[in-house]
Protein backbone atom coordinates (compact mmCIF):
# COMPACT_ATOMS: atom_id res chain seq x y z
CA VAL A 1 13.56 -16.03 10.37
CA ALA A 2 15.80 -16.70 13.33
CA LEU A 3 14.88 -14.10 15.09
CA ILE A 4 10.73 -15.26 15.11
CA GLU A 5 11.64 -18.58 15.93
CA GLN A 6 13.98 -17.45 18.88
CA ILE A 7 11.23 -14.82 20.49
CA GLU A 8 8.39 -17.65 19.76
CA ARG A 9 10.68 -20.22 21.68
CA ASP A 10 11.72 -17.20 24.51
CA HIS A 11 8.88 -15.61 24.89
CA GLY A 12 6.04 -17.57 23.31
CA PRO A 13 3.63 -16.69 20.19
CA ILE A 14 3.99 -13.44 18.92
CA ASP A 15 0.52 -11.83 18.97
CA LEU A 16 1.40 -8.74 17.52
CA TRP A 17 4.56 -7.61 14.89
CA ALA A 18 5.34 -3.96 14.06
CA GLY A 19 7.51 -3.91 11.03
CA ASN A 20 8.87 -0.33 11.68
CA ALA A 21 12.29 -0.07 9.93
CA GLY A 22 12.37 2.18 7.04
CA ILE A 23 15.04 4.31 5.37
CA GLY A 24 15.16 7.13 2.08
CA ALA A 25 17.46 8.02 -0.71
CA ASN A 26 17.00 11.96 -1.82
CA GLY A 27 16.92 11.72 -5.32
CA GLY A 28 15.03 9.96 -7.94
CA VAL A 29 15.47 8.13 -11.17
CA GLU A 30 18.73 8.67 -11.39
CA LEU A 31 19.55 7.28 -8.40
CA GLY A 32 21.57 3.68 -8.91
CA ASP A 33 20.35 0.23 -8.19
CA ASP A 34 22.28 0.16 -5.01
CA GLU A 35 20.11 2.68 -3.55
CA TRP A 36 16.72 1.39 -4.40
CA ASN A 37 17.48 -2.17 -3.75
CA ALA A 38 18.36 -0.77 -0.40
CA ASN A 39 15.10 1.17 -0.15
CA TRP A 40 12.95 -2.24 -1.49
CA ASN A 41 14.92 -4.86 0.66
CA VAL A 42 14.00 -2.51 4.25
CA ASN A 43 10.81 -0.95 3.36
CA VAL A 44 8.85 -3.64 1.65
CA LEU A 45 10.91 -6.88 1.57
CA ALA A 46 11.37 -6.63 5.21
CA HIS A 47 7.39 -7.20 5.67
CA VAL A 48 7.26 -9.74 2.92
CA LYS A 49 9.75 -11.67 5.16
CA ALA A 50 8.23 -11.35 8.46
CA CYS A 51 4.92 -12.36 7.02
CA ARG A 52 5.91 -15.27 5.17
CA HIS A 53 6.44 -16.80 8.94
CA LEU A 54 3.94 -15.22 10.93
CA VAL A 55 0.97 -15.43 8.53
CA PRO A 56 1.12 -19.20 8.62
CA ARG A 57 1.55 -19.21 12.21
CA TRP A 58 -1.29 -17.12 12.75
CA THR A 59 -3.53 -18.65 10.47
CA ARG A 60 -3.22 -21.83 12.35
CA ARG A 61 -3.80 -20.35 15.49
CA GLY A 62 -6.50 -18.02 14.17
CA SER A 63 -5.44 -14.96 15.38
CA GLY A 64 -2.53 -12.31 15.27
CA HIS A 65 -1.91 -9.03 14.34
CA LEU A 66 0.49 -7.14 11.91
CA LEU A 67 1.35 -3.41 11.88
CA ILE A 68 2.97 -2.33 8.99
CA THR A 69 4.89 1.20 9.22
CA ALA A 70 4.68 2.84 5.82
CA SER A 71 3.81 6.52 5.65
CA ALA A 72 1.63 9.35 4.47
CA ALA A 73 3.93 9.23 1.63
CA GLY A 74 2.96 5.85 0.99
CA LEU A 75 -1.06 7.30 0.57
CA LEU A 76 0.21 10.36 -1.37
CA THR A 77 4.10 11.17 -2.06
CA ASN A 78 7.42 12.26 -0.54
CA LEU A 79 8.86 15.37 -2.62
CA GLY A 80 12.92 14.68 -3.20
CA THR A 81 13.18 10.91 -2.42
CA ALA A 82 11.08 8.66 -5.36
CA PRO A 83 12.62 5.36 -4.03
CA TYR A 84 11.30 6.29 -0.60
CA ALA A 85 7.57 7.14 -2.05
CA VAL A 86 7.88 4.44 -4.19
CA THR A 87 8.05 1.70 -1.52
CA LYS A 88 6.11 2.92 0.76
CA HIS A 89 3.39 2.67 -1.83
CA GLY A 90 4.57 -1.28 -1.84
CA ALA A 91 4.04 -1.32 1.76
CA VAL A 92 0.81 0.24 1.71
CA ALA A 93 -0.18 -2.50 -0.81
CA LEU A 94 1.26 -5.37 0.81
CA ALA A 95 -0.69 -4.38 4.33
CA GLU A 96 -3.82 -3.67 2.05
CA TRP A 97 -3.08 -7.60 0.17
CA ILE A 98 -2.45 -9.10 3.84
CA ALA A 99 -5.87 -7.88 5.07
CA ILE A 100 -7.96 -8.92 2.11
CA THR A 101 -6.42 -12.40 1.80
CA HIS A 102 -5.88 -13.46 5.32
CA GLY A 103 -8.78 -10.88 7.35
CA ASP A 104 -11.28 -14.53 7.58
CA ALA A 105 -8.15 -15.96 9.04
CA GLY A 106 -8.42 -14.07 12.07
CA ILE A 107 -5.18 -12.07 11.15
CA GLY A 108 -5.90 -8.55 12.09
CA VAL A 109 -3.69 -5.68 9.55
CA SER A 110 -2.57 -1.65 10.57
CA CYS A 111 -0.96 0.47 8.59
CA LEU A 112 0.69 3.35 10.21
CA CYS A 113 1.08 6.53 8.02
CA PRO A 114 2.45 9.35 9.23
CA GLN A 115 3.80 12.51 7.97
CA GLY A 116 6.97 13.80 9.51
CA VAL A 117 7.87 12.89 13.11
CA ARG A 118 10.85 13.97 15.14
CA THR A 119 13.42 11.35 14.84
CA PRO A 120 17.49 11.15 13.54
CA MET A 121 16.30 9.63 10.29
CA THR A 122 14.45 12.47 9.64
CA GLU A 123 16.84 15.20 10.86
CA ALA A 124 19.57 13.22 9.66
CA ASP A 125 18.09 13.32 5.52
CA GLY A 126 19.41 16.83 4.97
CA GLU A 127 17.88 20.04 4.54
CA LEU A 128 15.15 19.51 1.70
CA ALA A 129 13.66 16.35 3.89
CA VAL A 130 13.67 18.52 6.83
CA GLU A 131 12.07 21.62 4.76
CA VAL A 132 9.30 18.96 3.27
CA VAL A 133 8.62 17.37 6.95
CA LYS A 134 8.20 21.52 8.50
CA ALA A 135 5.90 21.72 5.71
CA MET A 136 3.65 18.89 6.38
CA GLY A 137 3.85 19.41 10.27
CA MET A 138 6.50 17.53 12.37
CA ILE A 139 5.09 15.66 15.42
CA GLU A 140 6.97 13.77 18.33
CA PRO A 141 7.09 9.91 18.88
CA GLU A 142 5.08 10.14 21.55
CA GLU A 143 1.84 11.50 19.77
CA VAL A 144 2.71 8.19 17.37
CA ALA A 145 2.85 5.87 20.12
CA GLU A 146 -0.47 7.67 21.32
CA ALA A 147 -1.98 7.13 17.55
CA VAL A 148 -0.94 3.19 17.49
CA SER A 149 -2.12 2.68 20.76
CA ALA A 150 -5.84 3.96 19.84
CA GLY A 151 -5.53 2.87 16.63
CA LEU A 152 -4.94 -1.09 17.29
CA ALA A 153 -7.54 -0.76 20.15
CA ASN A 154 -9.82 0.13 17.35
CA ASP A 155 -8.61 -2.25 15.18
CA ASP A 156 -8.24 0.42 12.33
CA PHE A 157 -6.42 -0.58 9.22
CA LEU A 158 -5.12 2.74 8.67
CA ILE A 159 -3.90 4.52 11.64
CA LEU A 160 -3.26 8.10 10.88
CA PRO A 161 -1.39 10.61 13.69
CA HIS A 162 -1.54 13.28 10.97
CA PRO A 163 -5.64 13.24 10.50
CA GLU A 164 -5.08 15.60 7.72
CA VAL A 165 -3.91 12.81 5.94
CA ALA A 166 -7.01 11.39 5.39
CA ARG A 167 -8.20 14.61 3.46
CA TYR A 168 -5.17 15.13 1.35
CA GLU A 169 -5.84 11.09 0.51
CA LEU A 170 -9.58 12.02 -0.69
CA ASN A 171 -8.43 14.97 -2.48
CA ARG A 172 -5.72 13.11 -4.58
CA ALA A 173 -8.27 10.16 -5.52
CA GLY A 174 -10.80 13.00 -6.17
CA ASP A 175 -9.16 15.12 -8.57
CA ARG A 176 -5.41 13.61 -9.80
CA GLY A 177 -4.42 16.36 -12.09
CA ARG A 178 -5.04 19.02 -9.45
CA TRP A 179 -3.29 17.38 -6.55
CA LEU A 180 -0.52 16.83 -9.10
CA ALA A 181 -0.07 20.43 -9.70
CA GLY A 182 -0.71 21.50 -5.88
CA MET A 183 2.28 19.10 -5.53
CA ARG A 184 4.22 20.94 -7.58
CA ARG A 185 3.27 24.31 -6.53
CA LEU A 186 4.79 22.86 -3.06
CA GLN A 187 7.85 21.41 -4.80
CA ALA A 188 8.77 24.84 -6.29
CA THR A 189 8.89 26.42 -2.58
CA LEU A 190 11.67 23.73 -1.47
CA PRO A 191 15.17 24.68 -1.14
CA GLY A 192 17.11 23.21 -4.83
CA SER A 193 13.88 23.38 -6.76
């Protein structure tokens, strides 16, 4: 809140808010509440807290744009890190909800859902995470920036720097059982499986 107020005081109204923070925790349901809560706080609630202050301002002005960085994990899943997959689904759902609820008030919403991006976070996540990302196809941050720029210019809701994610999402929706079986096969090829 203080950051939003300071930015608007120093630079004028915020036209575009890009929520790009994200963390992960390797593991599944065995992880403790601290790991799960940290993922919820950063990957979902940070967007909620920003929107709590931005959406009313944008509604009064009749314009504003929210860019939520989720992940392809928010449309599909992420092997090896349940808190990340679950909370990124939450981030996508929040973006959809805001677009539905506030889109007619002049608020644009875009949801960025890349697969693997070569960043320090990706490399710090350990061997399993790096292998998962390599299997999906790693791209450079500059490629993501180009996709975001084009997506914002087109007022796209979903911004997919890895275009194949759209096909994966259709396959998942079309035959969930087949998709789950394929993901189990992929998981079996990863270290530590």
